[in-house]
Amino acid sequence: MENKAEKYAFGIIIALLGLSMSGIHVFRYAFYLSPLFCFFIWVAFGGFKFYKKATPFLLLLLASLPSVYDLDFNGFKMFYFIFVYSFIFSIFDFSKLEIDFRWLLLFLLVIFILNVRDILRAGGFSFSIMDSESSFESTLAFPVGLVVIYFFTVKRYLWFVVASILCVLMLKRIVLLAIIAFICLRLCNRSIQKSILNPYVVTVCTTIGLVVCIEFASGTFDKLIRDVLNQSANQLAMGRQVLWGSTLEALKFNYLDYLFWGAGEGKVIYTIDHLFRTGFKVQDVRLHNDLLLITLQYGMLILIAFVFTLNNRRSLEQRGVSLFMTIIFMTDNALIYQHVMVFYFLIMAQLERASKSLSPTS
């Protein structure tokens, strides 16, 4: 049997991911044991190779090391959550496997049903894209969204439609917007795709987008948004303006101080938790902007390096998926979602496999 290590590792991570997301409380943290199991598999089959698949995320781990001496529990969790998938996809090359994403879509559907079974029993249902309201809203929309763009990329349009329906039901507006942007880009000719997906272009545009987020949080666009949309900026961003603005103010953000270095690993999470626990009696609040989080923790230069390495991929197909993830990182906490990052890496591996099979040297 070829590629035994990858086959066993794939089985382990899917099984543990399923247990973690099954809704059974005792298995909630099962996936975080996966580095241990994967390490034993790696040693047992004598691969002893390291791959560059997780370079952008290893960069974040390296950037956190100067502040590791001062980690609290939240900081450790952030570090370990990124370490888990970075380690797994650094020691295995899943492009050696042929993965059928139809079965993985079914896998996500089963997990989704397990998580919404109480709603299904009760029969209650509400849905509004404009209000971003769905009884079935779930972070599973992120991996399903990745599967949607994968099926579109490999031209399996029937499965693309099936996955899209499921993604709409799970309703994460940013996922739907990222899918639309991805499809519009893929429908352009290759020269336009090459221009837009150039990692330098994506990095510059993302940096500008981050500055816009910071200025938005600081109230720069409040009057414009009120005049044009007749609603507050905080309403438009579903509470993100107060969240981002309060954090920036508490950390005394300015562009010059945060250019080379940030507040350090875990300090942003600690600050948010303190602000909202004392001010609003709310716990477990997240920043909902991983790119802003990276900037505040490690500095703008690390953010630029992260975005560039994330989008500096060999094929246009891989660059398209990385752009999708860049958009997601701009408005959510996907860095700590194992189910999102596992699917991202598996899809990138399959696109790499397809690229190798088309190569004249393969």
Protein backbone atom coordinates (compact mmCIF):
# COMPACT_ATOMS: atom_id res chain seq x y z
CA MET A 1 0.00 0.00 0.00
CA GLU A 2 1.47 3.35 -1.07
CA ASN A 3 1.34 6.50 1.04
CA LYS A 4 0.35 4.60 4.15
CA ALA A 5 1.33 7.43 6.47
CA GLU A 6 -0.91 9.95 4.68
CA LYS A 7 -3.80 7.49 4.52
CA TYR A 8 -3.69 6.73 8.23
CA ALA A 9 -3.19 10.39 9.13
CA PHE A 10 -6.13 11.39 6.93
CA GLY A 11 -8.35 8.83 8.66
CA ILE A 12 -7.25 10.03 12.09
CA ILE A 13 -7.85 13.73 11.47
CA ILE A 14 -11.26 13.19 9.87
CA ALA A 15 -12.36 10.84 12.67
CA LEU A 16 -11.20 13.21 15.42
CA LEU A 17 -12.68 16.21 13.62
CA GLY A 18 -16.01 14.41 13.42
CA LEU A 19 -15.92 13.57 17.12
CA SER A 20 -15.01 17.15 18.05
CA MET A 21 -17.93 18.57 16.08
CA SER A 22 -20.50 15.89 16.87
CA GLY A 23 -22.08 17.96 19.63
CA ILE A 24 -21.11 15.34 22.25
CA HIS A 25 -19.47 17.40 24.99
CA VAL A 26 -16.98 14.76 26.13
CA PHE A 27 -15.45 14.67 22.63
CA ARG A 28 -15.36 18.44 22.16
CA TYR A 29 -11.56 18.66 22.28
CA ALA A 30 -10.78 15.35 20.59
CA PHE A 31 -9.17 16.94 17.53
CA TYR A 32 -6.51 18.63 19.65
CA LEU A 33 -5.00 15.19 20.26
CA SER A 34 -4.37 14.77 16.54
CA PRO A 35 -0.76 16.09 16.56
CA LEU A 36 0.17 13.31 18.99
CA PHE A 37 -1.41 10.54 16.89
CA CYS A 38 -0.01 12.03 13.68
CA PHE A 39 3.47 12.27 15.17
CA PHE A 40 3.43 8.55 16.01
CA ILE A 41 2.25 7.74 12.48
CA TRP A 42 5.00 9.95 11.03
CA VAL A 43 7.65 8.18 13.12
CA ALA A 44 6.25 4.68 12.56
CA PHE A 45 6.39 4.99 8.76
CA GLY A 46 9.78 6.67 8.74
CA GLY A 47 8.90 9.61 6.53
CA PHE A 48 10.85 12.17 8.55
CA LYS A 49 10.16 14.84 5.96
CA PHE A 50 8.88 18.35 6.41
CA TYR A 51 6.83 20.19 3.83
CA LYS A 52 6.27 23.90 3.23
CA LYS A 53 2.47 23.68 3.09
CA ALA A 54 1.93 25.63 6.32
CA THR A 55 4.64 28.30 5.94
CA PRO A 56 2.32 31.33 6.53
CA PHE A 57 1.03 29.84 9.76
CA LEU A 58 4.46 28.73 10.98
CA LEU A 59 5.45 32.38 10.50
CA LEU A 60 2.76 33.37 13.01
CA LEU A 61 4.05 30.81 15.49
CA LEU A 62 7.57 32.18 15.12
CA ALA A 63 6.29 35.74 15.56
CA SER A 64 4.68 34.73 18.85
CA LEU A 65 7.90 33.36 20.38
CA PRO A 66 9.30 36.68 21.72
CA SER A 67 6.23 37.05 23.95
CA VAL A 68 5.90 33.38 24.91
CA TYR A 69 7.39 34.06 28.35
CA ASP A 70 4.32 36.14 29.19
CA LEU A 71 1.57 33.86 27.86
CA ASP A 72 -1.66 33.46 29.76
CA PHE A 73 -4.07 30.60 29.04
CA ASN A 74 -5.83 32.46 26.21
CA GLY A 75 -2.49 33.16 24.58
CA PHE A 76 -1.48 29.52 24.89
CA LYS A 77 -4.77 28.42 23.29
CA MET A 78 -4.23 30.73 20.32
CA PHE A 79 -0.69 29.41 19.88
CA TYR A 80 -1.74 25.76 20.18
CA PHE A 81 -4.76 26.09 17.87
CA ILE A 82 -2.51 27.36 15.08
CA PHE A 83 0.17 24.80 15.93
CA VAL A 84 -2.23 21.84 15.57
CA TYR A 85 -2.98 22.15 11.85
CA SER A 86 0.39 23.73 11.04
CA PHE A 87 2.20 20.70 12.46
CA ILE A 88 -0.02 18.11 10.77
CA PHE A 89 0.25 19.66 7.33
CA SER A 90 3.99 20.20 7.71
CA ILE A 91 4.76 16.51 8.22
CA PHE A 92 2.33 14.96 5.69
CA ASP A 93 1.82 15.61 1.99
CA PHE A 94 -1.85 14.95 1.32
CA SER A 95 -1.43 15.68 -2.37
CA LYS A 96 -0.27 12.05 -2.54
CA LEU A 97 -3.86 11.00 -1.83
CA GLU A 98 -6.88 11.27 -4.10
CA ILE A 99 -9.61 12.70 -1.89
CA ASP A 100 -13.26 12.55 -2.93
CA PHE A 101 -14.89 15.73 -1.64
CA ARG A 102 -18.37 14.39 -2.31
CA TRP A 103 -17.87 12.15 0.72
CA LEU A 104 -16.43 15.02 2.73
CA LEU A 105 -19.48 17.13 1.87
CA LEU A 106 -21.65 14.29 3.18
CA PHE A 107 -19.43 14.22 6.27
CA LEU A 108 -20.13 17.93 6.84
CA LEU A 109 -23.85 17.40 6.25
CA VAL A 110 -23.98 14.68 8.92
CA ILE A 111 -22.18 16.93 11.42
CA PHE A 112 -24.55 19.77 10.53
CA ILE A 113 -27.61 17.58 11.17
CA LEU A 114 -26.17 16.42 14.50
CA ASN A 115 -25.72 20.03 15.56
CA VAL A 116 -29.18 21.26 14.52
CA ARG A 117 -31.23 18.19 15.47
CA ASP A 118 -32.98 20.09 18.28
CA ILE A 119 -34.08 22.80 15.82
CA LEU A 120 -35.26 20.14 13.37
CA ARG A 121 -37.32 18.47 16.10
CA ALA A 122 -38.89 21.77 17.18
CA GLY A 123 -39.71 22.71 13.61
CA GLY A 124 -38.87 26.39 14.10
CA PHE A 125 -37.18 28.14 11.20
CA SER A 126 -36.21 31.70 10.29
CA PHE A 127 -34.09 32.88 7.38
CA SER A 128 -33.02 36.30 6.05
CA ILE A 129 -29.86 36.99 4.06
CA MET A 130 -30.23 40.78 4.49
CA ASP A 131 -30.48 40.47 8.27
CA SER A 132 -27.92 37.63 8.33
CA GLU A 133 -30.41 35.52 10.24
CA SER A 134 -30.89 31.78 9.91
CA SER A 135 -31.99 29.17 12.40
CA PHE A 136 -29.31 26.94 10.88
CA GLU A 137 -26.44 29.46 10.95
CA SER A 138 -23.19 27.60 11.56
CA THR A 139 -19.43 27.97 11.26
CA LEU A 140 -19.68 24.87 9.08
CA ALA A 141 -20.51 27.41 6.35
CA PHE A 142 -16.77 28.08 6.09
CA PRO A 143 -15.63 24.55 5.17
CA VAL A 144 -18.75 24.06 3.04
CA GLY A 145 -17.89 27.33 1.27
CA LEU A 146 -14.42 25.94 0.58
CA VAL A 147 -15.99 22.80 -0.88
CA VAL A 148 -18.27 25.00 -3.03
CA ILE A 149 -15.33 26.82 -4.63
CA TYR A 150 -13.43 23.54 -5.00
CA PHE A 151 -16.28 21.95 -6.97
CA PHE A 152 -16.52 25.08 -9.11
CA THR A 153 -12.78 25.02 -9.76
CA VAL A 154 -12.74 21.36 -10.84
CA LYS A 155 -15.95 21.88 -12.86
CA ARG A 156 -18.19 19.51 -10.92
CA TYR A 157 -21.14 21.83 -11.28
CA LEU A 158 -23.90 19.55 -9.97
CA TRP A 159 -22.02 19.12 -6.69
CA PHE A 160 -21.23 22.82 -6.72
CA VAL A 161 -24.99 23.53 -6.70
CA VAL A 162 -25.66 20.99 -3.94
CA ALA A 163 -22.88 22.41 -1.75
CA SER A 164 -24.05 25.98 -2.48
CA ILE A 165 -27.58 25.23 -1.26
CA LEU A 166 -26.18 23.82 1.98
CA CYS A 167 -23.88 26.84 2.35
CA VAL A 168 -26.78 29.28 1.91
CA LEU A 169 -28.77 27.41 4.56
CA MET A 170 -25.86 27.74 7.01
CA LEU A 171 -25.78 31.48 6.19
CA LYS A 172 -22.54 33.28 6.79
CA ARG A 173 -22.81 36.38 4.63
CA ILE A 174 -19.07 36.84 4.25
CA VAL A 175 -18.80 33.27 2.91
CA LEU A 176 -21.48 33.94 0.31
CA LEU A 177 -19.80 37.22 -0.70
CA ALA A 178 -16.41 35.49 -0.93
CA ILE A 179 -17.93 32.75 -3.10
CA ILE A 180 -19.47 35.34 -5.44
CA ALA A 181 -16.15 37.20 -5.68
CA PHE A 182 -14.34 33.93 -6.37
CA ILE A 183 -16.77 32.88 -9.12
CA CYS A 184 -16.66 36.30 -10.79
CA LEU A 185 -12.87 36.11 -10.81
CA ARG A 186 -12.83 32.56 -12.18
CA LEU A 187 -15.12 33.61 -15.02
CA CYS A 188 -12.53 36.17 -16.17
CA ASN A 189 -9.86 35.21 -18.68
CA ARG A 190 -6.56 33.91 -17.34
CA SER A 191 -4.63 37.11 -17.94
CA ILE A 192 -7.04 39.04 -15.70
CA GLN A 193 -6.88 36.26 -13.11
CA LYS A 194 -3.08 36.36 -13.16
CA SER A 195 -3.12 40.12 -12.61
CA ILE A 196 -5.62 40.09 -9.75
CA LEU A 197 -4.23 36.97 -8.07
CA ASN A 198 -0.64 38.16 -8.19
CA PRO A 199 0.51 37.84 -4.55
CA TYR A 200 1.95 41.36 -4.59
CA VAL A 201 -1.39 42.78 -5.76
CA VAL A 202 -3.35 40.75 -3.19
CA THR A 203 -0.97 41.82 -0.41
CA VAL A 204 -1.22 45.52 -1.27
CA CYS A 205 -5.04 45.35 -1.60
CA THR A 206 -5.36 43.42 1.66
CA THR A 207 -3.18 45.94 3.50
CA ILE A 208 -5.33 48.77 2.15
CA GLY A 209 -8.43 46.82 3.20
CA LEU A 210 -7.05 46.45 6.71
CA VAL A 211 -6.40 50.20 6.92
CA VAL A 212 -10.01 50.77 5.81
CA CYS A 213 -11.18 48.44 8.62
CA ILE A 214 -9.12 50.40 11.15
CA GLU A 215 -10.45 53.74 9.90
CA PHE A 216 -13.98 52.31 9.85
CA ALA A 217 -13.57 51.22 13.47
CA SER A 218 -12.28 54.70 14.36
CA GLY A 219 -15.44 56.35 12.98
CA THR A 220 -13.99 57.87 9.81
CA PHE A 221 -16.90 56.67 7.65
CA ASP A 222 -19.75 57.07 10.14
CA LYS A 223 -21.39 60.08 8.46
CA LEU A 224 -21.04 58.63 4.97
CA ILE A 225 -22.62 55.32 6.01
CA ARG A 226 -25.46 57.09 7.83
CA ASP A 227 -26.19 59.35 4.84
CA VAL A 228 -26.04 56.57 2.22
CA LEU A 229 -27.48 53.55 4.04
CA ASN A 230 -29.54 55.24 6.78
CA GLN A 231 -28.05 53.03 9.46
CA SER A 232 -25.12 53.24 11.83
CA ALA A 233 -21.72 51.84 10.94
CA ASN A 234 -21.99 49.48 13.90
CA GLN A 235 -25.33 48.14 12.61
CA LEU A 236 -23.83 47.62 9.17
CA ALA A 237 -20.91 45.66 10.62
CA MET A 238 -23.14 43.73 13.06
CA GLY A 239 -21.35 45.10 16.13
CA ARG A 240 -17.84 44.90 14.74
CA GLN A 241 -17.26 48.66 14.84
CA VAL A 242 -17.64 48.81 18.62
CA LEU A 243 -15.63 45.59 18.97
CA TRP A 244 -12.72 46.73 16.79
CA GLY A 245 -12.81 50.36 17.94
CA SER A 246 -12.81 49.49 21.65
CA THR A 247 -9.88 47.12 21.16
CA LEU A 248 -7.86 49.64 19.14
CA GLU A 249 -8.46 52.31 21.77
CA ALA A 250 -7.57 50.01 24.66
CA LEU A 251 -4.32 48.96 22.99
CA LYS A 252 -3.49 52.60 22.10
CA PHE A 253 -3.12 51.70 18.44
CA ASN A 254 -1.26 53.91 16.01
CA TYR A 255 0.26 52.90 12.71
CA LEU A 256 3.87 53.74 13.56
CA ASP A 257 4.01 51.84 16.87
CA TYR A 258 2.38 48.76 15.36
CA LEU A 259 4.46 48.70 12.18
CA PHE A 260 7.30 46.50 13.47
CA TRP A 261 5.79 44.87 16.55
CA GLY A 262 2.44 44.39 18.25
CA ALA A 263 1.13 43.85 21.75
CA GLY A 264 2.30 40.23 21.81
CA GLU A 265 0.71 36.77 21.78
CA GLY A 266 -2.63 36.60 23.57
CA LYS A 267 -2.76 40.27 24.59
CA VAL A 268 -5.54 41.15 22.16
CA ILE A 269 -7.75 38.32 23.39
CA TYR A 270 -7.03 39.27 27.00
CA THR A 271 -7.89 42.92 26.27
CA ILE A 272 -11.17 42.07 24.54
CA ASP A 273 -12.16 39.67 27.30
CA HIS A 274 -11.45 42.27 29.99
CA LEU A 275 -13.29 45.05 28.11
CA PHE A 276 -16.46 43.10 27.43
CA ARG A 277 -16.54 41.16 30.68
CA THR A 278 -16.41 44.35 32.75
CA GLY A 279 -18.28 46.71 30.41
CA PHE A 280 -20.97 44.49 28.88
CA LYS A 281 -20.94 41.36 31.11
CA VAL A 282 -20.19 39.28 28.01
CA GLN A 283 -17.65 36.45 27.89
CA ASP A 284 -15.72 34.64 25.14
CA VAL A 285 -15.76 37.57 22.71
CA ARG A 286 -13.50 37.30 19.65
CA LEU A 287 -12.19 40.05 17.37
CA HIS A 288 -13.86 38.70 14.18
CA ASN A 289 -10.95 39.90 12.06
CA ASP A 290 -7.90 37.63 11.98
CA LEU A 291 -5.88 40.08 9.89
CA LEU A 292 -6.44 42.85 12.43
CA LEU A 293 -5.62 40.34 15.19
CA ILE A 294 -2.30 39.48 13.51
CA THR A 295 -1.48 43.19 13.15
CA LEU A 296 -2.27 43.99 16.77
CA GLN A 297 -0.37 40.97 18.10
CA TYR A 298 2.68 40.84 15.84
CA GLY A 299 2.78 44.10 13.86
CA MET A 300 2.01 45.22 10.33
CA LEU A 301 5.16 43.71 8.77
CA ILE A 302 4.23 40.22 9.97
CA LEU A 303 0.72 40.75 8.58
CA ILE A 304 2.16 41.69 5.18
CA ALA A 305 4.49 38.67 5.20
CA PHE A 306 1.60 36.38 6.21
CA VAL A 307 -0.71 37.57 3.44
CA PHE A 308 2.04 37.37 0.82
CA THR A 309 3.12 33.81 1.72
CA LEU A 310 -0.52 32.72 1.97
CA ASN A 311 -1.25 33.91 -1.58
CA ASN A 312 2.11 33.10 -3.18
CA ARG A 313 0.99 29.76 -4.62
CA ARG A 314 2.06 27.90 -7.73
CA SER A 315 -1.24 27.65 -9.62
CA LEU A 316 -4.03 30.15 -10.24
CA GLU A 317 -6.48 27.63 -8.78
CA GLN A 318 -4.60 27.55 -5.48
CA ARG A 319 -4.26 31.33 -5.46
CA GLY A 320 -8.02 31.65 -5.90
CA VAL A 321 -8.65 29.50 -2.81
CA SER A 322 -6.07 31.47 -0.83
CA LEU A 323 -7.78 34.72 -1.83
CA PHE A 324 -11.07 33.24 -0.59
CA MET A 325 -9.40 32.53 2.76
CA THR A 326 -7.88 36.02 2.88
CA ILE A 327 -11.38 37.49 2.58
CA ILE A 328 -12.63 35.20 5.35
CA PHE A 329 -9.72 36.16 7.60
CA MET A 330 -10.72 39.82 7.18
CA THR A 331 -14.05 39.38 8.97
CA ASP A 332 -13.88 36.28 11.16
CA ASN A 333 -11.85 34.05 13.49
CA ALA A 334 -11.03 31.25 11.06
CA LEU A 335 -7.42 30.93 12.28
CA ILE A 336 -8.64 29.03 15.33
CA TYR A 337 -11.30 26.96 13.53
CA GLN A 338 -9.77 23.53 12.98
CA HIS A 339 -12.61 22.40 10.71
CA VAL A 340 -11.98 25.38 8.42
CA MET A 341 -8.22 25.07 8.25
CA VAL A 342 -8.24 21.29 7.72
CA PHE A 343 -10.52 21.67 4.71
CA TYR A 344 -8.43 24.55 3.38
CA PHE A 345 -5.26 22.45 3.49
CA LEU A 346 -6.95 19.35 2.02
CA ILE A 347 -8.37 21.37 -0.88
CA MET A 348 -5.01 23.00 -1.52
CA ALA A 349 -3.43 19.53 -1.54
CA GLN A 350 -5.90 18.27 -4.14
CA LEU A 351 -5.35 21.30 -6.36
CA GLU A 352 -1.62 20.70 -6.06
CA ARG A 353 -2.18 17.07 -7.04
CA ALA A 354 -4.16 18.18 -10.10
CA SER A 355 -1.45 20.68 -11.02
CA LYS A 356 1.23 17.98 -10.80
CA SER A 357 -0.79 15.62 -13.01
CA LEU A 358 -1.02 18.32 -15.71
CA SER A 359 2.66 19.15 -15.53
CA PRO A 360 4.67 17.89 -18.51
CA THR A 361 7.38 16.73 -16.14
CA SER A 362 5.03 14.66 -13.98
